[in-house]
């Protein structure tokens, strides 16, 4: 079974972030990263912990060839396909937080894998690798070095 975390190929990343002295908060939570995967695809990731108090506070945008998927506070999902301005909107305002954030589905998938004797969709190694990647990003921002993440 293939992992849901797409970091199976080597990742090269350039990271930049605000120095702690330039920031009113002590956390290093403002940064931009450009990932380049071994297969040629690239991904841009930006985070700003204090961009605005205007809703939505958290937003994720994924875009590719004529498609954009955007979440707002994990309460609303917008899906734009094709060349026109039409998009689908899915609202999760009335959904319990544990389900809206995926905890219910994650727990069910894990329990199902135990009961059926199959591998879980996300392994402990996948979890470790994601934490290792985040720690590599923080280290690269502090040192200015490029990440080579196998």
C-alpha atoms as a PDB file:
ATOM      1  CA  UNK A   1       0.000   0.000   0.000  1.00  0.00           C
ATOM      2  CA  UNK A   2       1.328   3.429  -0.917  1.00  0.00           C
ATOM      3  CA  UNK A   3       1.755   6.070   1.756  1.00  0.00           C
ATOM      4  CA  UNK A   4      -0.483   9.112   1.682  1.00  0.00           C
ATOM      5  CA  UNK A   5       2.502  11.323   2.491  1.00  0.00           C
ATOM      6  CA  UNK A   6       4.120  12.231  -0.854  1.00  0.00           C
ATOM      7  CA  UNK A   7       7.660  12.514   0.484  1.00  0.00           C
ATOM      8  CA  UNK A   8       8.970   9.215  -0.892  1.00  0.00           C
ATOM      9  CA  UNK A   9      11.268  10.995  -3.301  1.00  0.00           C
ATOM     10  CA  UNK A  10      14.176  13.224  -2.454  1.00  0.00           C
ATOM     11  CA  UNK A  11      13.123  16.767  -1.620  1.00  0.00           C
ATOM     12  CA  UNK A  12      15.306  19.801  -2.121  1.00  0.00           C
ATOM     13  CA  UNK A  13      14.006  22.910  -0.424  1.00  0.00           C
ATOM     14  CA  UNK A  14      14.939  26.534  -0.056  1.00  0.00           C
ATOM     15  CA  UNK A  15      13.536  28.041   3.124  1.00  0.00           C
ATOM     16  CA  UNK A  16      13.379  31.564   4.384  1.00  0.00           C
ATOM     17  CA  UNK A  17      11.726  32.971   7.444  1.00  0.00           C
ATOM     18  CA  UNK A  18      11.562  35.916   9.771  1.00  0.00           C
ATOM     19  CA  UNK A  19      14.387  36.153  12.253  1.00  0.00           C
ATOM     20  CA  UNK A  20      13.143  36.127  15.815  1.00  0.00           C
ATOM     21  CA  UNK A  21      14.503  39.633  16.357  1.00  0.00           C
ATOM     22  CA  UNK A  22      12.330  40.925  13.453  1.00  0.00           C
ATOM     23  CA  UNK A  23       9.162  39.445  14.861  1.00  0.00           C
ATOM     24  CA  UNK A  24       6.962  40.478  17.761  1.00  0.00           C
ATOM     25  CA  UNK A  25       6.376  36.849  18.757  1.00  0.00           C
ATOM     26  CA  UNK A  26       9.138  34.455  19.877  1.00  0.00           C
ATOM     27  CA  UNK A  27       7.961  31.573  17.668  1.00  0.00           C
ATOM     28  CA  UNK A  28       9.503  30.903  14.271  1.00  0.00           C
ATOM     29  CA  UNK A  29       6.160  30.530  12.494  1.00  0.00           C
ATOM     30  CA  UNK A  30       6.542  32.824   9.504  1.00  0.00           C
ATOM     31  CA  UNK A  31       8.281  31.143   6.619  1.00  0.00           C
ATOM     32  CA  UNK A  32       8.205  30.291   2.930  1.00  0.00           C
ATOM     33  CA  UNK A  33       9.456  27.061   1.446  1.00  0.00           C
ATOM     34  CA  UNK A  34       9.892  25.954  -2.144  1.00  0.00           C
ATOM     35  CA  UNK A  35      10.086  22.171  -2.397  1.00  0.00           C
ATOM     36  CA  UNK A  36      11.467  20.571  -5.526  1.00  0.00           C
ATOM     37  CA  UNK A  37      10.849  16.856  -5.846  1.00  0.00           C
ATOM     38  CA  UNK A  38      13.122  14.438  -7.638  1.00  0.00           C
ATOM     39  CA  UNK A  39      10.453  13.872 -10.313  1.00  0.00           C
ATOM     40  CA  UNK A  40      10.477  17.595 -11.221  1.00  0.00           C
ATOM     41  CA  UNK A  41       7.282  18.681  -9.486  1.00  0.00           C
ATOM     42  CA  UNK A  42       7.508  21.568  -7.070  1.00  0.00           C
ATOM     43  CA  UNK A  43       5.443  22.873  -4.199  1.00  0.00           C
ATOM     44  CA  UNK A  44       5.371  26.262  -2.494  1.00  0.00           C
ATOM     45  CA  UNK A  45       4.419  26.413   1.177  1.00  0.00           C
ATOM     46  CA  UNK A  46       3.989  29.627   3.139  1.00  0.00           C
ATOM     47  CA  UNK A  47       3.006  30.144   6.748  1.00  0.00           C
ATOM     48  CA  UNK A  48       2.337  33.304   8.687  1.00  0.00           C
ATOM     49  CA  UNK A  49       1.283  33.078  12.304  1.00  0.00           C
ATOM     50  CA  UNK A  50       0.160  36.667  12.612  1.00  0.00           C
ATOM     51  CA  UNK A  51      -0.972  37.749   9.148  1.00  0.00           C
ATOM     52  CA  UNK A  52      -4.405  38.924  10.188  1.00  0.00           C
ATOM     53  CA  UNK A  53      -7.211  38.542  12.647  1.00  0.00           C
ATOM     54  CA  UNK A  54      -9.595  38.533   9.688  1.00  0.00           C
ATOM     55  CA  UNK A  55     -11.455  35.236   9.163  1.00  0.00           C
ATOM     56  CA  UNK A  56     -10.386  32.729   7.954  1.00  0.00           C
ATOM     57  CA  UNK A  57      -7.389  32.573  10.246  1.00  0.00           C
ATOM     58  CA  UNK A  58      -6.135  29.396   8.587  1.00  0.00           C
ATOM     59  CA  UNK A  59      -6.361  28.682   4.898  1.00  0.00           C
ATOM     60  CA  UNK A  60      -4.829  26.020   2.708  1.00  0.00           C
ATOM     61  CA  UNK A  61      -4.692  26.416  -1.056  1.00  0.00           C
ATOM     62  CA  UNK A  62      -3.745  23.627  -3.436  1.00  0.00           C
ATOM     63  CA  UNK A  63      -3.595  24.447  -7.105  1.00  0.00           C
ATOM     64  CA  UNK A  64      -2.468  22.748 -10.266  1.00  0.00           C
ATOM     65  CA  UNK A  65      -3.409  22.643 -13.937  1.00  0.00           C
ATOM     66  CA  UNK A  66      -6.814  24.419 -14.097  1.00  0.00           C
ATOM     67  CA  UNK A  67      -7.855  23.443 -10.596  1.00  0.00           C
ATOM     68  CA  UNK A  68      -7.787  25.070  -7.174  1.00  0.00           C
ATOM     69  CA  UNK A  69      -8.888  23.549  -3.883  1.00  0.00           C
ATOM     70  CA  UNK A  70      -9.030  25.869  -0.895  1.00  0.00           C
ATOM     71  CA  UNK A  71     -10.006  25.282   2.729  1.00  0.00           C
ATOM     72  CA  UNK A  72     -11.002  27.971   5.172  1.00  0.00           C
ATOM     73  CA  UNK A  73     -10.638  27.081   8.844  1.00  0.00           C
ATOM     74  CA  UNK A  74     -11.488  23.474   7.962  1.00  0.00           C
ATOM     75  CA  UNK A  75     -15.088  24.731   7.868  1.00  0.00           C
ATOM     76  CA  UNK A  76     -15.460  25.399   4.163  1.00  0.00           C
ATOM     77  CA  UNK A  77     -13.924  23.815   1.077  1.00  0.00           C
ATOM     78  CA  UNK A  78     -13.953  25.479  -2.325  1.00  0.00           C
ATOM     79  CA  UNK A  79     -13.181  23.433  -5.433  1.00  0.00           C
ATOM     80  CA  UNK A  80     -12.651  25.167  -8.765  1.00  0.00           C
ATOM     81  CA  UNK A  81     -12.230  22.992 -11.847  1.00  0.00           C
ATOM     82  CA  UNK A  82     -11.610  23.962 -15.430  1.00  0.00           C
ATOM     83  CA  UNK A  83     -11.283  27.299 -17.154  1.00  0.00           C
ATOM     84  CA  UNK A  84     -14.450  29.057 -15.966  1.00  0.00           C
ATOM     85  CA  UNK A  85     -15.212  30.849 -12.721  1.00  0.00           C
ATOM     86  CA  UNK A  86     -17.567  28.158 -11.395  1.00  0.00           C
ATOM     87  CA  UNK A  87     -16.665  26.346  -8.202  1.00  0.00           C
ATOM     88  CA  UNK A  88     -18.250  23.957  -5.736  1.00  0.00           C
ATOM     89  CA  UNK A  89     -18.520  24.963  -2.104  1.00  0.00           C
ATOM     90  CA  UNK A  90     -18.781  22.411   0.687  1.00  0.00           C
ATOM     91  CA  UNK A  91     -19.626  23.641   4.165  1.00  0.00           C
ATOM     92  CA  UNK A  92     -18.665  21.809   7.343  1.00  0.00           C
ATOM     93  CA  UNK A  93     -19.784  24.467   9.850  1.00  0.00           C
ATOM     94  CA  UNK A  94     -22.256  22.130  11.532  1.00  0.00           C
ATOM     95  CA  UNK A  95     -19.854  19.169  11.637  1.00  0.00           C
ATOM     96  CA  UNK A  96     -18.216  18.344  14.972  1.00  0.00           C
ATOM     97  CA  UNK A  97     -14.589  19.534  15.156  1.00  0.00           C
ATOM     98  CA  UNK A  98     -13.190  16.005  15.603  1.00  0.00           C
ATOM     99  CA  UNK A  99     -14.806  14.895  12.339  1.00  0.00           C
ATOM    100  CA  UNK A 100     -14.153  18.171  10.478  1.00  0.00           C
ATOM    101  CA  UNK A 101     -10.438  17.962  11.296  1.00  0.00           C
ATOM    102  CA  UNK A 102     -10.249  14.286  10.278  1.00  0.00           C
ATOM    103  CA  UNK A 103      -9.687  12.729  13.706  1.00  0.00           C
ATOM    104  CA  UNK A 104     -12.776  10.491  13.457  1.00  0.00           C
ATOM    105  CA  UNK A 105     -11.808   9.220  10.003  1.00  0.00           C
ATOM    106  CA  UNK A 106      -8.188   8.744  11.062  1.00  0.00           C
ATOM    107  CA  UNK A 107      -9.191   6.724  14.136  1.00  0.00           C
ATOM    108  CA  UNK A 108     -11.632   4.608  12.104  1.00  0.00           C
ATOM    109  CA  UNK A 109      -9.014   3.851   9.433  1.00  0.00           C
ATOM    110  CA  UNK A 110      -6.484   2.862  12.115  1.00  0.00           C
ATOM    111  CA  UNK A 111      -8.931   0.588  13.969  1.00  0.00           C
ATOM    112  CA  UNK A 112     -10.095  -0.953  10.677  1.00  0.00           C
ATOM    113  CA  UNK A 113      -6.475  -1.741   9.753  1.00  0.00           C
ATOM    114  CA  UNK A 114      -5.975  -3.515  13.103  1.00  0.00           C
ATOM    115  CA  UNK A 115      -9.207  -5.494  12.785  1.00  0.00           C
ATOM    116  CA  UNK A 116      -8.564  -6.471   9.158  1.00  0.00           C
ATOM    117  CA  UNK A 117      -4.832  -7.092   9.624  1.00  0.00           C
ATOM    118  CA  UNK A 118      -3.880  -4.629   6.872  1.00  0.00           C
ATOM    119  CA  UNK A 119      -1.307  -1.863   6.934  1.00  0.00           C
ATOM    120  CA  UNK A 120      -2.605   1.519   8.121  1.00  0.00           C
ATOM    121  CA  UNK A 121      -2.932   4.307   5.542  1.00  0.00           C
ATOM    122  CA  UNK A 122      -0.438   6.381   7.506  1.00  0.00           C
ATOM    123  CA  UNK A 123       2.305   4.501   9.302  1.00  0.00           C
ATOM    124  CA  UNK A 124       4.318   5.504  12.361  1.00  0.00           C
ATOM    125  CA  UNK A 125       7.242   5.987   9.968  1.00  0.00           C
ATOM    126  CA  UNK A 126       5.150   8.447   7.924  1.00  0.00           C
ATOM    127  CA  UNK A 127       4.411  10.395  11.104  1.00  0.00           C
ATOM    128  CA  UNK A 128       8.081  10.408  12.076  1.00  0.00           C
ATOM    129  CA  UNK A 129       9.115  11.562   8.580  1.00  0.00           C
ATOM    130  CA  UNK A 130       6.638  14.455   8.659  1.00  0.00           C
ATOM    131  CA  UNK A 131       8.019  15.653  12.020  1.00  0.00           C
ATOM    132  CA  UNK A 132      11.560  15.191  10.718  1.00  0.00           C
ATOM    133  CA  UNK A 133      10.703  17.320   7.658  1.00  0.00           C
ATOM    134  CA  UNK A 134       9.271  20.125   9.809  1.00  0.00           C
ATOM    135  CA  UNK A 135      12.350  20.076  12.055  1.00  0.00           C
ATOM    136  CA  UNK A 136      14.562  20.217   8.940  1.00  0.00           C
ATOM    137  CA  UNK A 137      12.665  23.291   7.743  1.00  0.00           C
ATOM    138  CA  UNK A 138      13.166  25.079  11.081  1.00  0.00           C
ATOM    139  CA  UNK A 139      16.873  24.203  11.035  1.00  0.00           C
ATOM    140  CA  UNK A 140      17.227  25.449   7.440  1.00  0.00           C
ATOM    141  CA  UNK A 141      15.564  28.756   8.331  1.00  0.00           C
ATOM    142  CA  UNK A 142      17.935  29.229  11.271  1.00  0.00           C
ATOM    143  CA  UNK A 143      21.083  28.347   9.301  1.00  0.00           C
ATOM    144  CA  UNK A 144      20.124  29.501   5.801  1.00  0.00           C
ATOM    145  CA  UNK A 145      21.134  26.113   4.412  1.00  0.00           C
ATOM    146  CA  UNK A 146      19.234  24.152   1.806  1.00  0.00           C
ATOM    147  CA  UNK A 147      17.326  21.010   2.813  1.00  0.00           C
ATOM    148  CA  UNK A 148      18.182  17.720   1.147  1.00  0.00           C
ATOM    149  CA  UNK A 149      15.509  15.443   2.530  1.00  0.00           C
ATOM    150  CA  UNK A 150      15.658  11.794   1.443  1.00  0.00           C
END
